[in-house]
Each structure stands twice: as structure tokens, then as C-alpha cells.
Amino acid sequence: MKALEFEARINPDNTLPIPPSVLAEVPTGQTVKILMLVPDSTEDAEWEEMASGEFLRGYAESDAIYDRLSGR
């Protein structure tokens, strides 16, 4: 089974828009399984705060040299 991932907002009429690029991957009339991941605002905020703190804790002033690289 192939997974296709996209983000969408549920419309006021309770429909879910599917991007054309995703629809192009699925033959018309094909049965699909839908998995909706809905954020738990409390849990997500805690994870984001922890991840941000851990990321910045690993940053040393000596790493600033990489910020000046041109990317070439």
C-alpha cells in the first residue's frame, strides 16, 4: 500500500479538499483508507517546546561559522 500525505483544512460544509496532485495518484473509483491526524494542542505545544529547547541546547557559539557559508 502506498501512502500519500498532504495537509488540508475541513471546509465549513464538512468536506475535505484533496489536492489535484494527490488525486492524480489515485485512479477514479479506487477505494482508499484515510487516516486523519488531528493535533492535540496541549501535547503538541509541549513537544514543540521541548524539541526547540533540546535543539538550541546543542548549538555552540563555535557553530556560528556554518551560518556564514554560502551553500556552494
Protein backbone atom coordinates (compact mmCIF):
# COMPACT_ATOMS: atom_id res chain seq x y z
CA MET A 1 0.00 0.00 0.00
CA LYS A 2 1.33 3.43 -0.98
CA ALA A 3 0.98 6.41 1.37
CA LEU A 4 0.10 9.87 0.07
CA GLU A 5 0.45 12.72 2.54
CA PHE A 6 -0.97 16.24 2.41
CA GLU A 7 -2.32 18.88 4.79
CA ALA A 8 -5.83 20.27 4.45
CA ARG A 9 -8.47 22.16 6.39
CA ILE A 10 -12.00 20.86 6.69
CA ASN A 11 -14.34 23.21 4.84
CA PRO A 12 -17.34 24.85 6.55
CA ASP A 13 -19.58 22.33 4.73
CA ASN A 14 -17.59 19.48 6.37
CA THR A 15 -15.84 18.45 3.15
CA LEU A 16 -12.13 17.77 2.89
CA PRO A 17 -10.36 19.18 -0.17
CA ILE A 18 -7.82 16.83 -1.77
CA PRO A 19 -5.05 18.47 -3.80
CA PRO A 20 -5.10 17.70 -7.54
CA SER A 21 -1.57 16.30 -7.32
CA VAL A 22 -2.78 13.70 -4.82
CA LEU A 23 -5.92 12.91 -6.83
CA ALA A 24 -3.74 12.29 -9.86
CA GLU A 25 -2.10 9.40 -7.95
CA VAL A 26 -5.42 7.58 -7.33
CA PRO A 27 -7.50 6.01 -10.09
CA THR A 28 -11.13 7.21 -10.19
CA GLY A 29 -13.39 4.86 -8.24
CA GLN A 30 -10.47 3.40 -6.24
CA THR A 31 -11.22 2.61 -2.60
CA VAL A 32 -8.77 4.29 -0.22
CA LYS A 33 -8.10 4.26 3.53
CA ILE A 34 -8.00 7.64 5.22
CA LEU A 35 -6.04 8.34 8.41
CA MET A 36 -6.58 11.77 9.96
CA LEU A 37 -4.00 13.11 12.40
CA VAL A 38 -5.52 15.89 14.48
CA PRO A 39 -3.23 17.89 16.76
CA ASP A 40 -3.73 17.65 20.49
CA SER A 41 -2.93 21.28 21.27
CA THR A 42 -1.55 20.65 24.76
CA GLU A 43 0.61 17.70 23.79
CA ASP A 44 1.86 19.30 20.56
CA ALA A 45 2.83 22.54 22.31
CA GLU A 46 4.78 20.62 24.96
CA TRP A 47 6.63 18.57 22.33
CA GLU A 48 7.46 21.65 20.26
CA GLU A 49 8.78 23.48 23.30
CA MET A 50 10.91 20.52 24.36
CA ALA A 51 12.26 19.93 20.85
CA SER A 52 13.13 23.59 20.42
CA GLY A 53 14.93 23.68 23.76
CA GLU A 54 16.88 20.50 23.04
CA PHE A 55 17.87 21.73 19.58
CA LEU A 56 19.16 25.06 20.88
CA ARG A 57 20.97 23.37 23.76
CA GLY A 58 23.10 21.52 21.21
CA TYR A 59 24.11 24.76 19.46
CA ALA A 60 27.50 26.14 20.43
CA GLU A 61 28.90 29.58 19.62
CA SER A 62 31.60 27.85 17.58
CA ASP A 63 28.84 26.54 15.26
CA ALA A 64 28.21 30.11 14.05
CA ILE A 65 30.96 29.60 11.44
CA TYR A 66 28.48 27.48 9.46
CA ASP A 67 25.98 30.35 9.33
CA ARG A 68 28.43 32.26 7.11
CA LEU A 69 28.80 29.55 4.48
CA SER A 70 27.39 30.46 1.05
CA GLY A 71 25.88 27.00 0.45
CA ARG A 72 28.01 26.35 -2.62
